[in-house]
Amino acid sequence: MTKATISLLAINDVKDFVNIVMKYDYDIDLISGRYAVDARSIMGIFSLDLSRPIELNAHTDDADAFLKEIDKYIVK
């Protein structure tokens, strides 16, 4: 599993992020507090507290291309 912390501050960030996630076959979850949602679900993402960083879990060990695509959303 590959983990990262991301931040999605605007509506367009969420739409762009979901479009990127859709390209990959493996499961990707977003976790905020005690809530976990599928990263392909725009409605699920909007149910999270987007004012705080969100934990991302990609269920693969080969997520290099994915992480490169979402680099602008990763909290460093």
N, C-alpha and C. Protein backbone atom coordinates (compact mmCIF):
# COMPACT_ATOMS: atom_id res chain seq x y z
N MET A 1 0.84 -1.18 0.00
CA MET A 1 0.00 0.00 0.00
C MET A 1 0.89 1.24 0.00
N THR A 2 0.47 2.24 -0.74
CA THR A 2 1.18 3.51 -0.82
C THR A 2 0.34 4.56 -0.12
N LYS A 3 0.98 5.35 0.75
CA LYS A 3 0.26 6.37 1.50
C LYS A 3 0.82 7.76 1.20
N ALA A 4 -0.06 8.75 1.26
CA ALA A 4 0.34 10.15 1.08
C ALA A 4 -0.69 11.01 1.79
N THR A 5 -0.35 12.26 2.01
CA THR A 5 -1.30 13.23 2.56
C THR A 5 -1.53 14.28 1.48
N ILE A 6 -2.81 14.56 1.20
CA ILE A 6 -3.14 15.49 0.14
C ILE A 6 -4.03 16.62 0.68
N SER A 7 -4.13 17.67 -0.11
CA SER A 7 -5.00 18.79 0.20
C SER A 7 -5.76 19.19 -1.06
N LEU A 8 -7.08 19.23 -0.96
CA LEU A 8 -7.95 19.62 -2.08
C LEU A 8 -8.75 20.83 -1.61
N LEU A 9 -8.36 22.01 -2.05
CA LEU A 9 -8.95 23.24 -1.51
C LEU A 9 -10.09 23.82 -2.33
N ALA A 10 -10.14 23.52 -3.62
CA ALA A 10 -11.16 24.12 -4.48
C ALA A 10 -11.96 23.04 -5.20
N ILE A 11 -13.13 23.41 -5.69
CA ILE A 11 -13.98 22.47 -6.43
C ILE A 11 -13.23 21.92 -7.64
N ASN A 12 -12.51 22.77 -8.35
CA ASN A 12 -11.76 22.32 -9.52
C ASN A 12 -10.64 21.35 -9.15
N ASP A 13 -10.06 21.52 -7.94
CA ASP A 13 -9.05 20.56 -7.47
C ASP A 13 -9.67 19.18 -7.33
N VAL A 14 -10.87 19.11 -6.77
CA VAL A 14 -11.54 17.82 -6.57
C VAL A 14 -11.85 17.18 -7.92
N LYS A 15 -12.38 17.96 -8.86
CA LYS A 15 -12.71 17.42 -10.19
C LYS A 15 -11.46 16.91 -10.90
N ASP A 16 -10.38 17.67 -10.87
CA ASP A 16 -9.14 17.28 -11.51
C ASP A 16 -8.57 16.02 -10.84
N PHE A 17 -8.60 15.99 -9.51
CA PHE A 17 -8.09 14.85 -8.77
C PHE A 17 -8.86 13.57 -9.13
N VAL A 18 -10.18 13.64 -9.16
CA VAL A 18 -11.01 12.47 -9.50
C VAL A 18 -10.72 12.01 -10.93
N ASN A 19 -10.53 12.94 -11.86
CA ASN A 19 -10.20 12.57 -13.24
C ASN A 19 -8.87 11.81 -13.31
N ILE A 20 -7.91 12.21 -12.49
CA ILE A 20 -6.62 11.50 -12.43
C ILE A 20 -6.81 10.11 -11.84
N VAL A 21 -7.55 10.02 -10.74
CA VAL A 21 -7.77 8.74 -10.06
C VAL A 21 -8.44 7.72 -11.00
N MET A 22 -9.35 8.19 -11.84
CA MET A 22 -10.09 7.31 -12.75
C MET A 22 -9.18 6.57 -13.73
N LYS A 23 -7.98 7.07 -13.95
CA LYS A 23 -7.05 6.44 -14.90
C LYS A 23 -6.42 5.16 -14.36
N TYR A 24 -6.52 4.95 -13.05
CA TYR A 24 -5.79 3.85 -12.41
C TYR A 24 -6.75 2.75 -11.96
N ASP A 25 -6.31 1.49 -12.13
CA ASP A 25 -7.16 0.33 -11.88
C ASP A 25 -7.27 -0.04 -10.40
N TYR A 26 -6.29 0.31 -9.60
CA TYR A 26 -6.30 -0.11 -8.20
C TYR A 26 -7.17 0.81 -7.34
N ASP A 27 -7.57 0.30 -6.17
CA ASP A 27 -8.41 1.06 -5.25
C ASP A 27 -7.60 2.16 -4.59
N ILE A 28 -8.24 3.33 -4.47
CA ILE A 28 -7.63 4.47 -3.81
C ILE A 28 -8.67 5.02 -2.84
N ASP A 29 -8.30 5.10 -1.57
CA ASP A 29 -9.21 5.59 -0.53
C ASP A 29 -8.70 6.91 0.02
N LEU A 30 -9.63 7.75 0.45
CA LEU A 30 -9.31 8.98 1.15
C LEU A 30 -9.87 8.87 2.56
N ILE A 31 -9.06 9.24 3.56
CA ILE A 31 -9.45 9.09 4.95
C ILE A 31 -9.30 10.44 5.65
N SER A 32 -10.39 10.83 6.31
CA SER A 32 -10.39 12.07 7.10
C SER A 32 -11.08 11.75 8.41
N GLY A 33 -10.30 11.77 9.49
CA GLY A 33 -10.87 11.40 10.78
C GLY A 33 -11.29 9.94 10.77
N ARG A 34 -12.56 9.68 11.07
CA ARG A 34 -13.04 8.29 11.07
C ARG A 34 -13.78 7.93 9.80
N TYR A 35 -13.77 8.82 8.81
CA TYR A 35 -14.46 8.59 7.54
C TYR A 35 -13.48 8.18 6.45
N ALA A 36 -13.86 7.16 5.69
CA ALA A 36 -13.06 6.73 4.53
C ALA A 36 -13.99 6.68 3.33
N VAL A 37 -13.54 7.25 2.21
CA VAL A 37 -14.36 7.25 0.99
C VAL A 37 -13.50 6.82 -0.20
N ASP A 38 -14.17 6.33 -1.22
CA ASP A 38 -13.53 5.96 -2.47
C ASP A 38 -13.10 7.26 -3.17
N ALA A 39 -11.84 7.33 -3.60
CA ALA A 39 -11.32 8.54 -4.23
C ALA A 39 -11.95 8.81 -5.59
N ARG A 40 -12.71 7.86 -6.14
CA ARG A 40 -13.41 8.07 -7.41
C ARG A 40 -14.75 8.77 -7.22
N SER A 41 -15.18 8.94 -5.98
CA SER A 41 -16.50 9.49 -5.68
C SER A 41 -16.41 10.98 -5.35
N ILE A 42 -16.87 11.81 -6.27
CA ILE A 42 -16.86 13.25 -6.03
C ILE A 42 -17.73 13.59 -4.81
N MET A 43 -18.90 12.98 -4.73
CA MET A 43 -19.79 13.25 -3.58
C MET A 43 -19.14 12.78 -2.28
N GLY A 44 -18.46 11.64 -2.33
CA GLY A 44 -17.76 11.15 -1.15
C GLY A 44 -16.68 12.12 -0.69
N ILE A 45 -15.92 12.64 -1.64
CA ILE A 45 -14.85 13.59 -1.29
C ILE A 45 -15.44 14.84 -0.67
N PHE A 46 -16.55 15.33 -1.23
CA PHE A 46 -17.16 16.55 -0.67
C PHE A 46 -17.78 16.31 0.70
N SER A 47 -17.96 15.05 1.10
CA SER A 47 -18.48 14.77 2.44
C SER A 47 -17.37 14.85 3.50
N LEU A 48 -16.11 14.92 3.05
CA LEU A 48 -14.98 15.02 3.97
C LEU A 48 -14.73 16.48 4.34
N ASP A 49 -13.97 16.68 5.41
CA ASP A 49 -13.57 18.02 5.83
C ASP A 49 -12.37 18.44 4.97
N LEU A 50 -12.64 19.20 3.90
CA LEU A 50 -11.59 19.57 2.95
C LEU A 50 -10.72 20.72 3.45
N SER A 51 -11.06 21.29 4.60
CA SER A 51 -10.24 22.38 5.15
C SER A 51 -8.98 21.83 5.81
N ARG A 52 -8.91 20.51 5.97
CA ARG A 52 -7.75 19.87 6.58
C ARG A 52 -7.13 18.88 5.60
N PRO A 53 -5.84 18.58 5.76
CA PRO A 53 -5.22 17.57 4.89
C PRO A 53 -5.92 16.22 5.02
N ILE A 54 -5.92 15.45 3.93
CA ILE A 54 -6.60 14.16 3.85
C ILE A 54 -5.57 13.08 3.60
N GLU A 55 -5.73 11.95 4.29
CA GLU A 55 -4.83 10.81 4.09
C GLU A 55 -5.29 10.02 2.86
N LEU A 56 -4.34 9.68 2.01
CA LEU A 56 -4.63 8.90 0.81
C LEU A 56 -3.96 7.54 0.93
N ASN A 57 -4.72 6.49 0.65
CA ASN A 57 -4.18 5.12 0.62
C ASN A 57 -4.44 4.54 -0.76
N ALA A 58 -3.36 4.26 -1.49
CA ALA A 58 -3.47 3.61 -2.79
C ALA A 58 -3.09 2.15 -2.60
N HIS A 59 -3.98 1.25 -2.94
CA HIS A 59 -3.78 -0.18 -2.68
C HIS A 59 -2.95 -0.81 -3.79
N THR A 60 -1.70 -0.36 -3.86
CA THR A 60 -0.72 -0.89 -4.82
C THR A 60 0.67 -0.51 -4.32
N ASP A 61 1.66 -1.26 -4.76
CA ASP A 61 3.04 -0.93 -4.43
C ASP A 61 3.72 -0.21 -5.59
N ASP A 62 2.99 -0.05 -6.71
CA ASP A 62 3.55 0.58 -7.90
C ASP A 62 2.75 1.84 -8.23
N ALA A 63 2.83 2.84 -7.37
CA ALA A 63 2.03 4.06 -7.53
C ALA A 63 2.86 5.26 -7.98
N ASP A 64 4.06 5.01 -8.51
CA ASP A 64 4.94 6.12 -8.88
C ASP A 64 4.30 7.07 -9.89
N ALA A 65 3.71 6.53 -10.95
CA ALA A 65 3.08 7.38 -11.97
C ALA A 65 1.92 8.16 -11.39
N PHE A 66 1.12 7.51 -10.56
CA PHE A 66 -0.01 8.17 -9.91
C PHE A 66 0.46 9.31 -9.01
N LEU A 67 1.46 9.04 -8.18
CA LEU A 67 1.97 10.07 -7.27
C LEU A 67 2.55 11.25 -8.03
N LYS A 68 3.17 10.98 -9.17
CA LYS A 68 3.72 12.06 -9.99
C LYS A 68 2.59 12.95 -10.53
N GLU A 69 1.48 12.31 -10.93
CA GLU A 69 0.35 13.07 -11.47
C GLU A 69 -0.35 13.92 -10.42
N ILE A 70 -0.39 13.44 -9.18
CA ILE A 70 -1.09 14.19 -8.13
C ILE A 70 -0.14 15.02 -7.27
N ASP A 71 1.09 15.18 -7.73
CA ASP A 71 2.12 15.88 -6.95
C ASP A 71 1.67 17.25 -6.44
N LYS A 72 0.90 17.99 -7.25
CA LYS A 72 0.49 19.33 -6.82
C LYS A 72 -0.48 19.31 -5.66
N TYR A 73 -1.08 18.15 -5.37
CA TYR A 73 -2.03 18.04 -4.25
C TYR A 73 -1.39 17.44 -3.01
N ILE A 74 -0.19 16.89 -3.13
CA ILE A 74 0.48 16.25 -2.00
C ILE A 74 1.03 17.32 -1.06
N VAL A 75 0.74 17.14 0.23
CA VAL A 75 1.26 18.04 1.27
C VAL A 75 2.66 17.59 1.60
N LYS A 76 3.60 18.52 1.46
CA LYS A 76 5.01 18.17 1.69
C LYS A 76 5.49 18.72 3.01
